[in-house]
Amino acid sequence: MITVVWDTWLKPGTEEEGLRLTRQVWSDMQSFDGFISHRILIDEDAPGHIMALARWRSRSDADAVREKYKDSETIRRLTPLLARPRDRWIMREDQAGQGGA
């Protein structure tokens, strides 16, 4: 299992629509094979800063869906609202580090 982290910065004044479209992206992801779950985090100090953490069965699943979805209507509507291109990181959990601080 992997976690894909999407870092989104919206232009000032587009926060409400950008969040709505971000929610739509992740609602759509639920219909794709390999998608497990997601969380959307909104920066308390910068409401135009959104991070989405999505769990996928594998990197190949996440990459395949990214390729299929990149030209979707939702992405076409979200892209002009971005202050800069979204960053994407592929992460795996450190299983050896489980259990305590």
C-alpha atoms as a PDB file:
ATOM      1  CA  MET A   1       0.000   0.000   0.000  1.00  0.00           C
ATOM      2  CA  ILE A   2       1.170   3.537  -0.748  1.00  0.00           C
ATOM      3  CA  THR A   3       0.052   7.051   0.105  1.00  0.00           C
ATOM      4  CA  VAL A   4       0.027   9.730  -2.564  1.00  0.00           C
ATOM      5  CA  VAL A   5       0.275  13.278  -1.229  1.00  0.00           C
ATOM      6  CA  TRP A   6      -1.044  16.077  -3.448  1.00  0.00           C
ATOM      7  CA  ASP A   7      -0.061  19.636  -2.486  1.00  0.00           C
ATOM      8  CA  THR A   8      -2.356  22.268  -3.976  1.00  0.00           C
ATOM      9  CA  TRP A   9      -2.066  26.067  -3.800  1.00  0.00           C
ATOM     10  CA  LEU A  10      -5.055  28.040  -5.083  1.00  0.00           C
ATOM     11  CA  LYS A  11      -5.127  31.615  -6.309  1.00  0.00           C
ATOM     12  CA  PRO A  12      -6.629  34.105  -3.833  1.00  0.00           C
ATOM     13  CA  GLY A  13     -10.388  34.314  -4.257  1.00  0.00           C
ATOM     14  CA  THR A  14     -10.694  30.786  -5.713  1.00  0.00           C
ATOM     15  CA  GLU A  15     -10.548  28.867  -2.436  1.00  0.00           C
ATOM     16  CA  GLU A  16     -14.227  27.868  -2.298  1.00  0.00           C
ATOM     17  CA  GLU A  17     -14.412  26.640  -5.896  1.00  0.00           C
ATOM     18  CA  GLY A  18     -10.979  25.024  -5.654  1.00  0.00           C
ATOM     19  CA  LEU A  19     -12.019  23.079  -2.562  1.00  0.00           C
ATOM     20  CA  ARG A  20     -15.266  22.016  -4.226  1.00  0.00           C
ATOM     21  CA  LEU A  21     -13.359  20.724  -7.269  1.00  0.00           C
ATOM     22  CA  THR A  22     -10.778  19.011  -5.060  1.00  0.00           C
ATOM     23  CA  ARG A  23     -13.596  17.222  -3.253  1.00  0.00           C
ATOM     24  CA  GLN A  24     -14.993  16.192  -6.651  1.00  0.00           C
ATOM     25  CA  VAL A  25     -11.630  14.744  -7.703  1.00  0.00           C
ATOM     26  CA  TRP A  26     -11.518  12.528  -4.635  1.00  0.00           C
ATOM     27  CA  SER A  27     -15.152  11.558  -4.948  1.00  0.00           C
ATOM     28  CA  ASP A  28     -14.395  10.421  -8.504  1.00  0.00           C
ATOM     29  CA  MET A  29     -11.354   8.433  -7.338  1.00  0.00           C
ATOM     30  CA  GLN A  30     -13.617   6.099  -5.358  1.00  0.00           C
ATOM     31  CA  SER A  31     -14.732   4.448  -8.604  1.00  0.00           C
ATOM     32  CA  PHE A  32     -11.185   3.507  -9.686  1.00  0.00           C
ATOM     33  CA  ASP A  33      -9.574   0.136  -9.101  1.00  0.00           C
ATOM     34  CA  GLY A  34      -6.847   0.237  -6.473  1.00  0.00           C
ATOM     35  CA  PHE A  35      -8.150   3.314  -4.632  1.00  0.00           C
ATOM     36  CA  ILE A  36      -8.524   2.705  -0.886  1.00  0.00           C
ATOM     37  CA  SER A  37      -9.249   6.015   0.873  1.00  0.00           C
ATOM     38  CA  HIS A  38      -8.387   9.702   1.101  1.00  0.00           C
ATOM     39  CA  ARG A  39      -8.235  12.670   3.453  1.00  0.00           C
ATOM     40  CA  ILE A  40      -8.333  16.341   2.499  1.00  0.00           C
ATOM     41  CA  LEU A  41      -6.458  18.758   4.752  1.00  0.00           C
ATOM     42  CA  ILE A  42      -6.987  22.537   4.605  1.00  0.00           C
ATOM     43  CA  ASP A  43      -4.232  24.789   5.931  1.00  0.00           C
ATOM     44  CA  GLU A  44      -5.547  26.799   8.900  1.00  0.00           C
ATOM     45  CA  ASP A  45      -3.171  29.659   8.107  1.00  0.00           C
ATOM     46  CA  ALA A  46      -3.590  29.662   4.315  1.00  0.00           C
ATOM     47  CA  PRO A  47      -7.066  28.541   3.177  1.00  0.00           C
ATOM     48  CA  GLY A  48      -5.871  28.332  -0.433  1.00  0.00           C
ATOM     49  CA  HIS A  49      -3.453  25.575   0.572  1.00  0.00           C
ATOM     50  CA  ILE A  50      -4.943  22.086   0.397  1.00  0.00           C
ATOM     51  CA  MET A  51      -3.242  18.749   0.852  1.00  0.00           C
ATOM     52  CA  ALA A  52      -4.870  15.483  -0.129  1.00  0.00           C
ATOM     53  CA  LEU A  53      -3.552  12.180   1.185  1.00  0.00           C
ATOM     54  CA  ALA A  54      -4.779   9.212  -0.813  1.00  0.00           C
ATOM     55  CA  ARG A  55      -4.140   5.560  -0.057  1.00  0.00           C
ATOM     56  CA  TRP A  56      -3.746   3.228  -3.005  1.00  0.00           C
ATOM     57  CA  ARG A  57      -3.173  -0.495  -3.317  1.00  0.00           C
ATOM     58  CA  SER A  58      -0.014   0.142  -5.374  1.00  0.00           C
ATOM     59  CA  ARG A  59       1.942   2.841  -7.130  1.00  0.00           C
ATOM     60  CA  SER A  60       1.018   1.358 -10.493  1.00  0.00           C
ATOM     61  CA  ASP A  61      -2.686   1.763  -9.624  1.00  0.00           C
ATOM     62  CA  ALA A  62      -2.164   5.398  -8.602  1.00  0.00           C
ATOM     63  CA  ASP A  63      -0.070   6.163 -11.691  1.00  0.00           C
ATOM     64  CA  ALA A  64      -2.562   4.508 -14.054  1.00  0.00           C
ATOM     65  CA  VAL A  65      -5.473   6.484 -12.616  1.00  0.00           C
ATOM     66  CA  ARG A  66      -3.467   9.722 -12.737  1.00  0.00           C
ATOM     67  CA  GLU A  67      -2.853   9.127 -16.444  1.00  0.00           C
ATOM     68  CA  LYS A  68      -6.549   8.356 -17.108  1.00  0.00           C
ATOM     69  CA  TYR A  69      -7.878  11.263 -15.051  1.00  0.00           C
ATOM     70  CA  LYS A  70      -5.434  14.061 -15.938  1.00  0.00           C
ATOM     71  CA  ASP A  71      -7.581  15.326 -18.842  1.00  0.00           C
ATOM     72  CA  SER A  72     -10.913  15.047 -17.021  1.00  0.00           C
ATOM     73  CA  GLU A  73     -13.370  17.931 -16.939  1.00  0.00           C
ATOM     74  CA  THR A  74     -12.771  18.383 -13.203  1.00  0.00           C
ATOM     75  CA  ILE A  75      -9.007  18.773 -13.685  1.00  0.00           C
ATOM     76  CA  ARG A  76      -9.580  21.139 -16.632  1.00  0.00           C
ATOM     77  CA  ARG A  77     -11.711  23.316 -14.335  1.00  0.00           C
ATOM     78  CA  LEU A  78      -9.308  23.108 -11.378  1.00  0.00           C
ATOM     79  CA  THR A  79      -6.100  23.911 -13.275  1.00  0.00           C
ATOM     80  CA  PRO A  80      -6.829  27.622 -13.966  1.00  0.00           C
ATOM     81  CA  LEU A  81      -7.465  28.138 -10.233  1.00  0.00           C
ATOM     82  CA  LEU A  82      -3.974  26.969  -9.254  1.00  0.00           C
ATOM     83  CA  ALA A  83      -1.418  29.486  -8.038  1.00  0.00           C
ATOM     84  CA  ARG A  84       1.273  26.993  -9.155  1.00  0.00           C
ATOM     85  CA  PRO A  85       1.356  23.429 -10.467  1.00  0.00           C
ATOM     86  CA  ARG A  86       0.362  20.817  -7.898  1.00  0.00           C
ATOM     87  CA  ASP A  87       3.132  18.779  -6.302  1.00  0.00           C
ATOM     88  CA  ARG A  88       2.777  15.017  -5.908  1.00  0.00           C
ATOM     89  CA  TRP A  89       4.730  12.697  -3.642  1.00  0.00           C
ATOM     90  CA  ILE A  90       4.517   8.914  -3.451  1.00  0.00           C
ATOM     91  CA  MET A  91       5.111   7.663   0.096  1.00  0.00           C
ATOM     92  CA  ARG A  92       5.200   4.334   1.874  1.00  0.00           C
ATOM     93  CA  GLU A  93       4.850   3.793   5.582  1.00  0.00           C
ATOM     94  CA  ASP A  94       7.921   2.873   7.605  1.00  0.00           C
ATOM     95  CA  GLN A  95       6.786  -0.465   9.016  1.00  0.00           C
ATOM     96  CA  ALA A  96       9.939  -0.811  11.151  1.00  0.00           C
ATOM     97  CA  GLY A  97       9.205   2.493  12.880  1.00  0.00           C
ATOM     98  CA  GLN A  98       5.817   1.393  14.242  1.00  0.00           C
ATOM     99  CA  GLY A  99       5.186   1.351  17.929  1.00  0.00           C
ATOM    100  CA  GLY A 100       6.512   4.303  19.847  1.00  0.00           C
ATOM    101  CA  ALA A 101       8.341   7.557  19.921  1.00  0.00           C
END
